């Protein structure tokens, strides 16, 4: 049974999410439902509409934390220098 849900989100995010959903030929509601289904039941046996969830989003769910003293500029510089050796 479908039920209406009202969310307050940043307008820019909504527009980008709508464009993303349209480019993948699915509705924003269906995309959000698939993500929420994944979050609440990672052991579900059914496929979640073949939705590819980025590693960043998975890291939010898993509780991985970035150390407070993490220097992202230093890490970016290190990785780029390794890449372009």
N, C-alpha and C. Protein backbone atom coordinates (compact mmCIF):
# COMPACT_ATOMS: atom_id res chain seq x y z
N UNK A 1 0.84 -1.18 0.00
CA UNK A 1 0.00 0.00 0.00
C UNK A 1 0.89 1.24 0.00
N UNK A 2 0.66 2.11 -0.95
CA UNK A 2 1.44 3.35 -1.04
C UNK A 2 0.83 4.41 -0.12
N UNK A 3 1.71 5.17 0.50
CA UNK A 3 1.32 6.26 1.38
C UNK A 3 2.13 7.49 1.02
N UNK A 4 1.51 8.64 1.09
CA UNK A 4 2.20 9.89 0.76
C UNK A 4 3.12 10.29 1.91
N UNK A 5 4.29 10.81 1.56
CA UNK A 5 5.28 11.28 2.52
C UNK A 5 5.76 12.64 2.07
N UNK A 6 5.78 13.60 2.97
CA UNK A 6 6.26 14.94 2.65
C UNK A 6 7.63 15.13 3.28
N UNK A 7 8.58 15.57 2.46
CA UNK A 7 9.94 15.82 2.94
C UNK A 7 10.32 17.26 2.64
N UNK A 8 11.13 17.85 3.50
CA UNK A 8 11.67 19.18 3.25
C UNK A 8 13.14 18.99 2.91
N UNK A 9 13.49 19.34 1.67
CA UNK A 9 14.86 19.21 1.20
C UNK A 9 15.27 20.47 0.46
N UNK A 10 16.55 20.66 0.31
CA UNK A 10 17.09 21.79 -0.42
C UNK A 10 16.58 21.75 -1.87
N UNK A 11 16.09 22.85 -2.37
CA UNK A 11 15.51 22.92 -3.71
C UNK A 11 16.50 22.46 -4.79
N UNK A 12 17.77 22.86 -4.65
CA UNK A 12 18.79 22.48 -5.63
C UNK A 12 18.98 20.97 -5.67
N UNK A 13 18.99 20.35 -4.50
CA UNK A 13 19.13 18.89 -4.42
C UNK A 13 17.93 18.21 -5.08
N UNK A 14 16.75 18.72 -4.83
CA UNK A 14 15.54 18.14 -5.42
C UNK A 14 15.62 18.19 -6.94
N UNK A 15 16.01 19.33 -7.49
CA UNK A 15 16.09 19.47 -8.95
C UNK A 15 17.13 18.53 -9.54
N UNK A 16 18.28 18.43 -8.89
CA UNK A 16 19.32 17.53 -9.37
C UNK A 16 18.87 16.07 -9.27
N UNK A 17 18.19 15.74 -8.18
CA UNK A 17 17.71 14.37 -8.00
C UNK A 17 16.63 14.03 -9.04
N UNK A 18 15.76 14.98 -9.34
CA UNK A 18 14.74 14.75 -10.37
C UNK A 18 15.38 14.51 -11.73
N UNK A 19 16.39 15.30 -12.04
CA UNK A 19 17.08 15.14 -13.32
C UNK A 19 17.78 13.78 -13.37
N UNK A 20 18.41 13.39 -12.27
CA UNK A 20 19.08 12.09 -12.20
C UNK A 20 18.08 10.96 -12.39
N UNK A 21 16.96 11.04 -11.68
CA UNK A 21 15.93 10.00 -11.78
C UNK A 21 15.40 9.91 -13.21
N UNK A 22 15.14 11.06 -13.82
CA UNK A 22 14.62 11.07 -15.19
C UNK A 22 15.63 10.47 -16.16
N UNK A 23 16.90 10.77 -15.96
CA UNK A 23 17.93 10.24 -16.86
C UNK A 23 18.08 8.72 -16.72
N UNK A 24 17.63 8.18 -15.59
CA UNK A 24 17.67 6.74 -15.38
C UNK A 24 16.29 6.10 -15.54
N UNK A 25 15.37 6.88 -16.10
CA UNK A 25 14.01 6.41 -16.41
C UNK A 25 13.30 5.81 -15.21
N UNK A 26 13.35 6.51 -14.09
CA UNK A 26 12.56 6.11 -12.92
C UNK A 26 12.11 7.36 -12.18
N UNK A 27 11.12 7.21 -11.36
CA UNK A 27 10.61 8.37 -10.64
C UNK A 27 11.47 8.62 -9.40
N UNK A 28 11.44 9.84 -8.95
CA UNK A 28 12.19 10.20 -7.75
C UNK A 28 11.63 9.43 -6.55
N UNK A 29 10.32 9.28 -6.49
CA UNK A 29 9.70 8.52 -5.39
C UNK A 29 10.20 7.08 -5.37
N UNK A 30 10.27 6.47 -6.54
CA UNK A 30 10.72 5.07 -6.62
C UNK A 30 12.20 4.97 -6.24
N UNK A 31 12.99 5.94 -6.64
CA UNK A 31 14.40 5.94 -6.31
C UNK A 31 14.60 6.06 -4.79
N UNK A 32 13.86 6.96 -4.16
CA UNK A 32 13.97 7.14 -2.71
C UNK A 32 13.46 5.90 -1.98
N UNK A 33 12.36 5.33 -2.47
CA UNK A 33 11.84 4.11 -1.85
C UNK A 33 12.85 2.98 -1.92
N UNK A 34 13.51 2.82 -3.06
CA UNK A 34 14.52 1.77 -3.22
C UNK A 34 15.68 1.98 -2.26
N UNK A 35 16.11 3.23 -2.11
CA UNK A 35 17.21 3.51 -1.18
C UNK A 35 16.80 3.20 0.26
N UNK A 36 15.60 3.63 0.65
CA UNK A 36 15.14 3.38 2.02
C UNK A 36 14.97 1.88 2.27
N UNK A 37 14.49 1.15 1.27
CA UNK A 37 14.37 -0.30 1.41
C UNK A 37 15.75 -0.92 1.64
N UNK A 38 16.73 -0.44 0.91
CA UNK A 38 18.09 -0.93 1.07
C UNK A 38 18.62 -0.63 2.48
N UNK A 39 18.39 0.57 2.95
CA UNK A 39 18.90 0.98 4.26
C UNK A 39 18.29 0.16 5.39
N UNK A 40 16.98 -0.05 5.35
CA UNK A 40 16.33 -0.74 6.47
C UNK A 40 16.47 -2.25 6.41
N UNK A 41 16.75 -2.80 5.25
CA UNK A 41 16.87 -4.24 5.15
C UNK A 41 17.95 -4.63 4.15
N UNK A 42 19.19 -4.55 4.56
CA UNK A 42 20.29 -4.89 3.66
C UNK A 42 20.30 -6.36 3.31
N UNK A 43 19.62 -7.17 4.09
CA UNK A 43 19.61 -8.61 3.83
C UNK A 43 18.40 -9.03 3.00
N UNK A 44 17.70 -8.08 2.43
CA UNK A 44 16.53 -8.41 1.62
C UNK A 44 16.96 -9.27 0.44
N UNK A 45 16.16 -10.27 0.14
CA UNK A 45 16.53 -11.16 -0.96
C UNK A 45 16.11 -10.60 -2.30
N UNK A 46 15.16 -9.69 -2.30
CA UNK A 46 14.75 -9.11 -3.58
C UNK A 46 15.72 -8.04 -4.02
N UNK A 47 15.87 -7.88 -5.32
CA UNK A 47 16.74 -6.86 -5.88
C UNK A 47 16.07 -5.51 -5.72
N UNK A 48 16.81 -4.49 -5.43
CA UNK A 48 16.24 -3.16 -5.23
C UNK A 48 16.34 -2.38 -6.53
N UNK A 49 15.56 -2.80 -7.52
CA UNK A 49 15.48 -2.11 -8.81
C UNK A 49 16.85 -1.90 -9.45
N UNK A 50 17.80 -2.75 -9.17
CA UNK A 50 19.15 -2.60 -9.73
C UNK A 50 19.73 -1.22 -9.45
N UNK A 51 19.39 -0.65 -8.32
CA UNK A 51 19.86 0.69 -7.95
C UNK A 51 21.30 0.59 -7.49
N UNK A 52 22.19 1.29 -8.17
CA UNK A 52 23.59 1.32 -7.77
C UNK A 52 23.78 2.43 -6.75
N UNK A 53 24.16 2.05 -5.55
CA UNK A 53 24.36 3.02 -4.48
C UNK A 53 25.86 3.28 -4.39
N UNK A 54 26.22 4.54 -4.45
CA UNK A 54 27.64 4.90 -4.48
C UNK A 54 28.34 4.52 -3.17
N UNK A 55 29.64 4.29 -3.24
CA UNK A 55 30.40 3.97 -2.03
C UNK A 55 30.27 5.06 -0.96
N UNK A 56 30.16 6.31 -1.37
CA UNK A 56 30.02 7.39 -0.40
C UNK A 56 28.73 7.24 0.39
N UNK A 57 27.63 6.96 -0.30
CA UNK A 57 26.34 6.81 0.39
C UNK A 57 26.39 5.58 1.30
N UNK A 58 26.99 4.49 0.83
CA UNK A 58 27.13 3.31 1.67
C UNK A 58 27.95 3.62 2.92
N UNK A 59 28.96 4.46 2.79
CA UNK A 59 29.79 4.78 3.95
C UNK A 59 29.01 5.58 4.99
N UNK A 60 28.05 6.36 4.54
CA UNK A 60 27.20 7.11 5.48
C UNK A 60 26.39 6.11 6.30
N UNK A 61 25.84 5.11 5.63
CA UNK A 61 25.02 4.10 6.29
C UNK A 61 25.84 3.24 7.24
N UNK A 62 27.06 2.91 6.84
CA UNK A 62 27.87 1.98 7.62
C UNK A 62 28.47 2.62 8.86
N UNK A 63 28.41 3.91 8.97
CA UNK A 63 28.93 4.57 10.15
C UNK A 63 30.41 4.88 10.09
N UNK A 64 31.03 4.72 8.92
CA UNK A 64 32.44 5.08 8.80
C UNK A 64 32.57 6.57 9.08
N UNK A 65 33.60 6.92 9.79
CA UNK A 65 33.80 8.33 10.14
C UNK A 65 35.18 8.80 9.66
N UNK A 66 35.21 10.04 9.24
CA UNK A 66 36.48 10.65 8.86
C UNK A 66 37.05 11.29 10.11
N UNK A 67 38.33 11.03 10.40
CA UNK A 67 38.94 11.62 11.60
C UNK A 67 38.86 13.15 11.57
N UNK A 68 38.70 13.75 12.72
CA UNK A 68 38.57 15.21 12.81
C UNK A 68 39.80 15.92 12.27
N UNK A 69 40.97 15.30 12.39
CA UNK A 69 42.20 15.94 11.93
C UNK A 69 42.58 15.54 10.50
N UNK A 70 41.66 14.94 9.75
CA UNK A 70 41.93 14.50 8.39
C UNK A 70 42.18 15.72 7.50
N UNK A 71 43.31 15.72 6.82
CA UNK A 71 43.67 16.82 5.92
C UNK A 71 43.39 16.38 4.48
N UNK A 72 42.21 16.72 3.99
CA UNK A 72 41.80 16.25 2.67
C UNK A 72 42.67 16.83 1.55
N UNK A 73 43.18 18.04 1.73
CA UNK A 73 44.05 18.63 0.71
C UNK A 73 45.36 17.84 0.60
N UNK A 74 45.90 17.46 1.72
CA UNK A 74 47.13 16.67 1.74
C UNK A 74 46.89 15.31 1.09
N UNK A 75 45.76 14.68 1.42
CA UNK A 75 45.43 13.37 0.85
C UNK A 75 45.20 13.48 -0.65
N UNK A 76 44.52 14.51 -1.08
CA UNK A 76 44.27 14.72 -2.51
C UNK A 76 45.59 14.91 -3.25
N UNK A 77 46.46 15.72 -2.69
CA UNK A 77 47.78 15.96 -3.30
C UNK A 77 48.56 14.66 -3.40
N UNK A 78 48.54 13.87 -2.34
CA UNK A 78 49.26 12.60 -2.33
C UNK A 78 48.72 11.66 -3.41
N UNK A 79 47.40 11.54 -3.48
CA UNK A 79 46.80 10.62 -4.47
C UNK A 79 47.04 11.09 -5.90
N UNK A 80 46.96 12.39 -6.13
CA UNK A 80 47.19 12.90 -7.47
C UNK A 80 48.64 12.73 -7.88
N UNK A 81 49.56 12.93 -6.95
CA UNK A 81 50.98 12.74 -7.29
C UNK A 81 51.27 11.27 -7.59
N UNK A 82 50.60 10.34 -6.89
CA UNK A 82 50.77 8.92 -7.18
C UNK A 82 50.19 8.60 -8.57
N UNK A 83 49.05 9.18 -8.86
CA UNK A 83 48.37 8.91 -10.13
C UNK A 83 49.19 9.38 -11.32
N UNK A 84 49.84 10.52 -11.16
CA UNK A 84 50.53 11.14 -12.30
C UNK A 84 52.04 10.96 -12.26
N UNK A 85 52.50 9.88 -11.66
CA UNK A 85 53.95 9.60 -11.63
C UNK A 85 54.42 9.18 -12.98
